[in-house]
Amino acid sequence: MSRPRDDFIRDIRVLLADDQRLFREGVQVMVQAQPDMTVVGAAADGREAVRLADERQPDVVLMDIRMPGMDGVEATRQIFLPSRTVGRSRPIRVVVLTTFDLDDRAATAIRHGASGFLLKEATPQQLCNAIRTVHAGHAVLAPADLITLMEHQVRATTPAPAAFGALTGKEREVFMAVARGLSNAEIARRVFAGESTVKTHVGSILRKLGLRDRVQIVVFAHEHGLI
């Protein structure tokens, strides 16, 4: 029995990018079998992934980090260029796929806008959960792992932009807690507020700093020497 048309409207649109055809087609079959997902394209390299991201407007891109020609890092950077993001009707989330835990390339992709990374040895359930998680605006790696990734990438910091100075005292407190990997529940206990209030503060921080998600708060904090 087919689903009503409005069910398809709510599907998570997924784009796959991997140079290994067998892996790519296996993931496509698995994702397509999910009741809330549909595959809108499959790319064999980074250049094709960028082109399909522009054409198909996916919600989530599963991006292999190591591909010939344009790799997943550069493809991620290009997907999040301001000249591309400004014309989109909805955000694109990228999950990079790697065979190495705490991969420096994955860290660079996260700096460019990816919402986290997943090992290629992940189970089908973990992969599907990751797609749903980033589609909801969250990261797909533990905060401690993300912080470790950022700390392993030694680089010069730049002064925080003026927008950071526009945060209220409470927003700065929440910002620093998020940057240290605390959950909303942990932050709520620390700042003596409800979780809904913390969520409101996080939303305000993201808007004021022009960031996409909590992952980018961690990146912002490390790039500007705030941790």
C-alpha atoms as a PDB file:
ATOM      1  CA  MET A   1       0.000   0.000   0.000  1.00  0.00           C
ATOM      2  CA  SER A   2       1.460   3.367  -1.010  1.00  0.00           C
ATOM      3  CA  ARG A   3       1.768   6.271   1.395  1.00  0.00           C
ATOM      4  CA  PRO A   4      -0.337   9.427   1.038  1.00  0.00           C
ATOM      5  CA  ARG A   5       1.361  12.203  -0.929  1.00  0.00           C
ATOM      6  CA  ASP A   6       1.806  14.431   2.154  1.00  0.00           C
ATOM      7  CA  ASP A   7       4.028  11.764   3.726  1.00  0.00           C
ATOM      8  CA  PHE A   8       6.536  12.247   0.916  1.00  0.00           C
ATOM      9  CA  ILE A   9       6.642  15.976   1.607  1.00  0.00           C
ATOM     10  CA  ARG A  10       7.944  15.241   5.098  1.00  0.00           C
ATOM     11  CA  ASP A  11      10.638  12.833   3.887  1.00  0.00           C
ATOM     12  CA  ILE A  12      14.239  13.662   4.762  1.00  0.00           C
ATOM     13  CA  ARG A  13      15.927  14.213   1.410  1.00  0.00           C
ATOM     14  CA  VAL A  14      19.321  12.494   1.395  1.00  0.00           C
ATOM     15  CA  LEU A  15      22.234  12.912  -1.015  1.00  0.00           C
ATOM     16  CA  LEU A  16      25.025  10.300  -1.030  1.00  0.00           C
ATOM     17  CA  ALA A  17      28.638  11.013  -2.019  1.00  0.00           C
ATOM     18  CA  ASP A  18      31.156   8.158  -2.119  1.00  0.00           C
ATOM     19  CA  ASP A  19      33.592   6.982  -4.785  1.00  0.00           C
ATOM     20  CA  GLN A  20      33.011   3.297  -3.976  1.00  0.00           C
ATOM     21  CA  ARG A  21      30.003   2.193  -6.003  1.00  0.00           C
ATOM     22  CA  LEU A  22      29.248  -0.876  -3.894  1.00  0.00           C
ATOM     23  CA  PHE A  23      29.217   1.125  -0.657  1.00  0.00           C
ATOM     24  CA  ARG A  24      27.193   3.921  -2.250  1.00  0.00           C
ATOM     25  CA  GLU A  25      24.540   1.611  -3.630  1.00  0.00           C
ATOM     26  CA  GLY A  26      24.329  -0.370  -0.391  1.00  0.00           C
ATOM     27  CA  VAL A  27      23.704   2.806   1.624  1.00  0.00           C
ATOM     28  CA  GLN A  28      21.169   3.963  -0.939  1.00  0.00           C
ATOM     29  CA  VAL A  29      19.133   0.767  -0.571  1.00  0.00           C
ATOM     30  CA  MET A  30      19.246   1.026   3.212  1.00  0.00           C
ATOM     31  CA  VAL A  31      18.268   4.709   3.333  1.00  0.00           C
ATOM     32  CA  GLN A  32      15.544   4.303   0.733  1.00  0.00           C
ATOM     33  CA  ALA A  33      13.982   1.564   2.882  1.00  0.00           C
ATOM     34  CA  GLN A  34      13.367   4.020   5.739  1.00  0.00           C
ATOM     35  CA  PRO A  35       9.769   5.287   6.025  1.00  0.00           C
ATOM     36  CA  ASP A  36      10.871   8.906   6.551  1.00  0.00           C
ATOM     37  CA  MET A  37      13.740   9.195   4.043  1.00  0.00           C
ATOM     38  CA  THR A  38      14.266   9.354   0.315  1.00  0.00           C
ATOM     39  CA  VAL A  39      17.496   9.407  -1.691  1.00  0.00           C
ATOM     40  CA  VAL A  40      17.526  12.330  -4.124  1.00  0.00           C
ATOM     41  CA  GLY A  41      20.931  11.723  -5.661  1.00  0.00           C
ATOM     42  CA  ALA A  42      24.221   9.830  -5.548  1.00  0.00           C
ATOM     43  CA  ALA A  43      27.635  11.264  -6.425  1.00  0.00           C
ATOM     44  CA  ALA A  44      30.951   9.515  -7.105  1.00  0.00           C
ATOM     45  CA  ASP A  45      33.155  12.507  -6.237  1.00  0.00           C
ATOM     46  CA  GLY A  46      33.089  15.851  -4.476  1.00  0.00           C
ATOM     47  CA  ARG A  47      32.514  17.946  -7.578  1.00  0.00           C
ATOM     48  CA  GLU A  48      29.417  15.966  -8.474  1.00  0.00           C
ATOM     49  CA  ALA A  49      28.239  16.169  -4.850  1.00  0.00           C
ATOM     50  CA  VAL A  50      28.394  19.983  -4.942  1.00  0.00           C
ATOM     51  CA  ARG A  51      26.523  20.087  -8.237  1.00  0.00           C
ATOM     52  CA  LEU A  52      23.794  17.736  -7.011  1.00  0.00           C
ATOM     53  CA  ALA A  53      23.495  19.641  -3.727  1.00  0.00           C
ATOM     54  CA  ASP A  54      22.712  22.772  -5.756  1.00  0.00           C
ATOM     55  CA  GLU A  55      20.299  20.972  -8.073  1.00  0.00           C
ATOM     56  CA  ARG A  56      18.475  18.571  -5.733  1.00  0.00           C
ATOM     57  CA  GLN A  57      18.429  20.661  -2.510  1.00  0.00           C
ATOM     58  CA  PRO A  58      18.837  17.725  -0.088  1.00  0.00           C
ATOM     59  CA  ASP A  59      18.281  18.034   3.642  1.00  0.00           C
ATOM     60  CA  VAL A  60      21.259  15.835   4.518  1.00  0.00           C
ATOM     61  CA  VAL A  61      24.420  14.938   2.597  1.00  0.00           C
ATOM     62  CA  LEU A  62      26.373  11.799   3.545  1.00  0.00           C
ATOM     63  CA  MET A  63      29.854  12.835   2.406  1.00  0.00           C
ATOM     64  CA  ASP A  64      32.800  10.457   2.070  1.00  0.00           C
ATOM     65  CA  ILE A  65      35.831  12.353   3.340  1.00  0.00           C
ATOM     66  CA  ARG A  66      38.356  10.757   0.948  1.00  0.00           C
ATOM     67  CA  MET A  67      37.474  10.832  -2.754  1.00  0.00           C
ATOM     68  CA  PRO A  68      39.617  11.337  -5.870  1.00  0.00           C
ATOM     69  CA  GLY A  69      39.645  14.752  -7.454  1.00  0.00           C
ATOM     70  CA  MET A  70      37.645  16.977  -5.125  1.00  0.00           C
ATOM     71  CA  ASP A  71      37.513  15.317  -1.713  1.00  0.00           C
ATOM     72  CA  GLY A  72      34.769  15.567   0.878  1.00  0.00           C
ATOM     73  CA  VAL A  73      36.459  18.389   2.771  1.00  0.00           C
ATOM     74  CA  GLU A  74      36.552  20.730  -0.217  1.00  0.00           C
ATOM     75  CA  ALA A  75      33.061  19.668  -1.304  1.00  0.00           C
ATOM     76  CA  THR A  76      31.751  20.528   2.167  1.00  0.00           C
ATOM     77  CA  ARG A  77      33.465  23.913   2.043  1.00  0.00           C
ATOM     78  CA  GLN A  78      31.893  24.679  -1.322  1.00  0.00           C
ATOM     79  CA  ILE A  79      28.424  23.550  -0.235  1.00  0.00           C
ATOM     80  CA  PHE A  80      28.545  26.079   2.605  1.00  0.00           C
ATOM     81  CA  LEU A  81      29.926  29.020   0.641  1.00  0.00           C
ATOM     82  CA  PRO A  82      27.785  32.097   1.420  1.00  0.00           C
ATOM     83  CA  SER A  83      27.084  32.536  -2.292  1.00  0.00           C
ATOM     84  CA  ARG A  84      25.363  29.134  -2.248  1.00  0.00           C
ATOM     85  CA  THR A  85      23.651  29.176   1.146  1.00  0.00           C
ATOM     86  CA  VAL A  86      21.985  32.543   0.584  1.00  0.00           C
ATOM     87  CA  GLY A  87      19.756  31.194  -2.166  1.00  0.00           C
ATOM     88  CA  ARG A  88      18.545  28.059  -0.392  1.00  0.00           C
ATOM     89  CA  SER A  89      15.001  27.742   0.843  1.00  0.00           C
ATOM     90  CA  ARG A  90      16.071  25.321   3.614  1.00  0.00           C
ATOM     91  CA  PRO A  91      19.385  24.383   5.230  1.00  0.00           C
ATOM     92  CA  ILE A  92      21.611  21.510   4.149  1.00  0.00           C
ATOM     93  CA  ARG A  93      23.306  19.378   6.810  1.00  0.00           C
ATOM     94  CA  VAL A  94      26.455  17.394   6.045  1.00  0.00           C
ATOM     95  CA  VAL A  95      27.667  14.254   7.806  1.00  0.00           C
ATOM     96  CA  VAL A  96      31.149  13.212   6.751  1.00  0.00           C
ATOM     97  CA  LEU A  97      31.964   9.510   6.570  1.00  0.00           C
ATOM     98  CA  THR A  98      35.468   8.367   7.479  1.00  0.00           C
ATOM     99  CA  THR A  99      37.374   5.179   8.258  1.00  0.00           C
ATOM    100  CA  PHE A 100      39.460   6.929  10.930  1.00  0.00           C
ATOM    101  CA  ASP A 101      38.270   7.978  14.383  1.00  0.00           C
ATOM    102  CA  LEU A 102      39.098  11.619  15.249  1.00  0.00           C
ATOM    103  CA  ASP A 103      40.247  12.232  11.660  1.00  0.00           C
ATOM    104  CA  ASP A 104      41.885  15.638  11.109  1.00  0.00           C
ATOM    105  CA  ARG A 105      40.126  15.906   7.749  1.00  0.00           C
ATOM    106  CA  ALA A 106      36.809  15.402   9.505  1.00  0.00           C
ATOM    107  CA  ALA A 107      37.714  18.225  11.875  1.00  0.00           C
ATOM    108  CA  THR A 108      38.410  20.502   8.919  1.00  0.00           C
ATOM    109  CA  ALA A 109      35.090  19.552   7.328  1.00  0.00           C
ATOM    110  CA  ILE A 110      33.352  20.426  10.596  1.00  0.00           C
ATOM    111  CA  ARG A 111      35.048  23.820  10.530  1.00  0.00           C
ATOM    112  CA  HIS A 112      33.627  24.295   7.040  1.00  0.00           C
ATOM    113  CA  GLY A 113      30.090  23.537   8.240  1.00  0.00           C
ATOM    114  CA  ALA A 114      29.599  19.764   8.599  1.00  0.00           C
ATOM    115  CA  SER A 115      27.412  18.691  11.516  1.00  0.00           C
ATOM    116  CA  GLY A 116      29.739  15.887  12.567  1.00  0.00           C
ATOM    117  CA  PHE A 117      31.207  12.656  11.324  1.00  0.00           C
ATOM    118  CA  LEU A 118      30.443   8.963  11.377  1.00  0.00           C
ATOM    119  CA  LEU A 119      32.728   5.974  10.928  1.00  0.00           C
ATOM    120  CA  LYS A 120      32.033   3.870   7.837  1.00  0.00           C
ATOM    121  CA  GLU A 121      31.813   0.819  10.075  1.00  0.00           C
ATOM    122  CA  ALA A 122      28.672   2.257  11.723  1.00  0.00           C
ATOM    123  CA  THR A 123      25.583   0.068  11.742  1.00  0.00           C
ATOM    124  CA  PRO A 124      22.594   0.878   9.489  1.00  0.00           C
ATOM    125  CA  GLN A 125      20.655   1.986  12.569  1.00  0.00           C
ATOM    126  CA  GLN A 126      23.457   4.345  13.623  1.00  0.00           C
ATOM    127  CA  LEU A 127      23.602   5.823  10.133  1.00  0.00           C
ATOM    128  CA  CYS A 128      19.844   6.396   9.986  1.00  0.00           C
ATOM    129  CA  ASN A 129      19.847   7.875  13.478  1.00  0.00           C
ATOM    130  CA  ALA A 130      22.651  10.214  12.409  1.00  0.00           C
ATOM    131  CA  ILE A 131      20.623  11.414   9.428  1.00  0.00           C
ATOM    132  CA  ARG A 132      17.628  12.138  11.646  1.00  0.00           C
ATOM    133  CA  THR A 133      19.808  13.803  14.280  1.00  0.00           C
ATOM    134  CA  VAL A 134      21.494  16.299  11.951  1.00  0.00           C
ATOM    135  CA  HIS A 135      18.216  16.977  10.174  1.00  0.00           C
ATOM    136  CA  ALA A 136      16.882  18.087  13.564  1.00  0.00           C
ATOM    137  CA  GLY A 137      19.839  20.471  13.914  1.00  0.00           C
ATOM    138  CA  HIS A 138      22.052  18.505  16.294  1.00  0.00           C
ATOM    139  CA  ALA A 139      25.559  17.057  16.096  1.00  0.00           C
ATOM    140  CA  VAL A 140      26.319  13.406  15.411  1.00  0.00           C
ATOM    141  CA  LEU A 141      29.387  13.039  17.584  1.00  0.00           C
ATOM    142  CA  ALA A 142      29.850  13.298  21.307  1.00  0.00           C
ATOM    143  CA  PRO A 143      30.695  16.813  22.526  1.00  0.00           C
ATOM    144  CA  ALA A 144      33.903  15.494  24.110  1.00  0.00           C
ATOM    145  CA  ASP A 145      35.020  14.057  20.743  1.00  0.00           C
ATOM    146  CA  LEU A 146      34.245  17.315  18.975  1.00  0.00           C
ATOM    147  CA  ILE A 147      36.253  19.300  21.508  1.00  0.00           C
ATOM    148  CA  THR A 148      39.150  16.837  21.167  1.00  0.00           C
ATOM    149  CA  LEU A 149      39.056  17.287  17.395  1.00  0.00           C
ATOM    150  CA  MET A 150      39.213  21.054  17.719  1.00  0.00           C
ATOM    151  CA  GLU A 151      42.035  20.941  20.266  1.00  0.00           C
ATOM    152  CA  HIS A 152      44.129  18.644  18.049  1.00  0.00           C
ATOM    153  CA  GLN A 153      43.999  21.149  15.223  1.00  0.00           C
ATOM    154  CA  VAL A 154      46.579  23.723  16.279  1.00  0.00           C
ATOM    155  CA  ARG A 155      45.945  27.028  14.526  1.00  0.00           C
ATOM    156  CA  ALA A 156      46.145  30.740  15.198  1.00  0.00           C
ATOM    157  CA  THR A 157      43.037  32.279  16.717  1.00  0.00           C
ATOM    158  CA  THR A 158      41.413  35.488  15.582  1.00  0.00           C
ATOM    159  CA  PRO A 159      39.585  38.051  17.727  1.00  0.00           C
ATOM    160  CA  ALA A 160      35.881  37.413  18.189  1.00  0.00           C
ATOM    161  CA  PRO A 161      33.704  39.512  15.856  1.00  0.00           C
ATOM    162  CA  ALA A 162      31.636  42.413  17.160  1.00  0.00           C
ATOM    163  CA  ALA A 163      28.526  40.220  17.154  1.00  0.00           C
ATOM    164  CA  PHE A 164      29.926  38.280  20.106  1.00  0.00           C
ATOM    165  CA  GLY A 165      29.920  41.478  22.148  1.00  0.00           C
ATOM    166  CA  ALA A 166      26.187  41.798  21.478  1.00  0.00           C
ATOM    167  CA  LEU A 167      25.426  38.667  23.500  1.00  0.00           C
ATOM    168  CA  THR A 168      23.855  39.275  26.885  1.00  0.00           C
ATOM    169  CA  GLY A 169      25.635  38.117  30.043  1.00  0.00           C
ATOM    170  CA  LYS A 170      23.372  35.084  30.307  1.00  0.00           C
ATOM    171  CA  GLU A 171      23.843  34.254  26.636  1.00  0.00           C
ATOM    172  CA  ARG A 172      27.617  34.339  27.090  1.00  0.00           C
ATOM    173  CA  GLU A 173      27.306  31.991  30.023  1.00  0.00           C
ATOM    174  CA  VAL A 174      25.227  29.583  27.943  1.00  0.00           C
ATOM    175  CA  PHE A 175      27.606  30.005  24.987  1.00  0.00           C
ATOM    176  CA  MET A 176      30.610  28.940  27.076  1.00  0.00           C
ATOM    177  CA  ALA A 177      28.720  25.964  28.487  1.00  0.00           C
ATOM    178  CA  VAL A 178      27.746  24.781  24.988  1.00  0.00           C
ATOM    179  CA  ALA A 179      31.340  25.291  23.820  1.00  0.00           C
ATOM    180  CA  ARG A 180      32.509  23.008  26.625  1.00  0.00           C
ATOM    181  CA  GLY A 181      30.124  20.282  25.491  1.00  0.00           C
ATOM    182  CA  LEU A 182      27.408  20.550  28.146  1.00  0.00           C
ATOM    183  CA  SER A 183      23.883  19.380  27.340  1.00  0.00           C
ATOM    184  CA  ASN A 184      20.841  21.606  27.781  1.00  0.00           C
ATOM    185  CA  ALA A 185      19.973  19.789  31.003  1.00  0.00           C
ATOM    186  CA  GLU A 186      23.464  20.341  32.390  1.00  0.00           C
ATOM    187  CA  ILE A 187      23.421  23.997  31.366  1.00  0.00           C
ATOM    188  CA  ALA A 188      20.005  24.478  32.956  1.00  0.00           C
ATOM    189  CA  ARG A 189      21.353  23.258  36.296  1.00  0.00           C
ATOM    190  CA  ARG A 190      24.417  25.459  36.002  1.00  0.00           C
ATOM    191  CA  VAL A 191      22.563  28.693  35.173  1.00  0.00           C
ATOM    192  CA  PHE A 192      19.537  27.933  37.371  1.00  0.00           C
ATOM    193  CA  ALA A 193      17.026  28.006  34.526  1.00  0.00           C
ATOM    194  CA  GLY A 194      14.653  25.633  32.783  1.00  0.00           C
ATOM    195  CA  GLU A 195      15.704  23.664  29.711  1.00  0.00           C
ATOM    196  CA  SER A 196      13.231  25.590  27.561  1.00  0.00           C
ATOM    197  CA  THR A 197      14.928  28.824  28.618  1.00  0.00           C
ATOM    198  CA  VAL A 198      18.321  27.376  27.720  1.00  0.00           C
ATOM    199  CA  LYS A 199      16.983  26.386  24.276  1.00  0.00           C
ATOM    200  CA  THR A 200      15.761  29.955  23.801  1.00  0.00           C
ATOM    201  CA  HIS A 201      19.201  31.311  24.709  1.00  0.00           C
ATOM    202  CA  VAL A 202      20.919  28.889  22.331  1.00  0.00           C
ATOM    203  CA  GLY A 203      18.582  29.943  19.516  1.00  0.00           C
ATOM    204  CA  SER A 204      19.331  33.594  20.194  1.00  0.00           C
ATOM    205  CA  ILE A 205      23.092  32.907  20.219  1.00  0.00           C
ATOM    206  CA  LEU A 206      22.899  31.126  16.876  1.00  0.00           C
ATOM    207  CA  ARG A 207      20.941  33.990  15.315  1.00  0.00           C
ATOM    208  CA  LYS A 208      23.225  36.737  16.664  1.00  0.00           C
ATOM    209  CA  LEU A 209      26.423  34.974  15.597  1.00  0.00           C
ATOM    210  CA  GLY A 210      25.070  33.696  12.291  1.00  0.00           C
ATOM    211  CA  LEU A 211      25.784  30.072  13.207  1.00  0.00           C
ATOM    212  CA  ARG A 212      23.870  27.007  12.054  1.00  0.00           C
ATOM    213  CA  ASP A 213      23.960  24.723  15.082  1.00  0.00           C
ATOM    214  CA  ARG A 214      25.662  23.818  18.375  1.00  0.00           C
ATOM    215  CA  VAL A 215      28.583  22.267  16.507  1.00  0.00           C
ATOM    216  CA  GLN A 216      29.395  25.672  15.079  1.00  0.00           C
ATOM    217  CA  ILE A 217      29.361  27.205  18.564  1.00  0.00           C
ATOM    218  CA  VAL A 218      32.198  24.847  19.559  1.00  0.00           C
ATOM    219  CA  VAL A 219      34.103  25.696  16.374  1.00  0.00           C
ATOM    220  CA  PHE A 220      33.519  29.440  16.876  1.00  0.00           C
ATOM    221  CA  ALA A 221      34.789  29.278  20.459  1.00  0.00           C
ATOM    222  CA  HIS A 222      38.017  27.530  19.468  1.00  0.00           C
ATOM    223  CA  GLU A 223      38.689  29.616  16.368  1.00  0.00           C
ATOM    224  CA  HIS A 224      38.401  32.814  18.397  1.00  0.00           C
ATOM    225  CA  GLY A 225      40.318  31.608  21.440  1.00  0.00           C
ATOM    226  CA  LEU A 226      37.328  31.764  23.771  1.00  0.00           C
ATOM    227  CA  ILE A 227      38.017  28.366  25.377  1.00  0.00           C
END
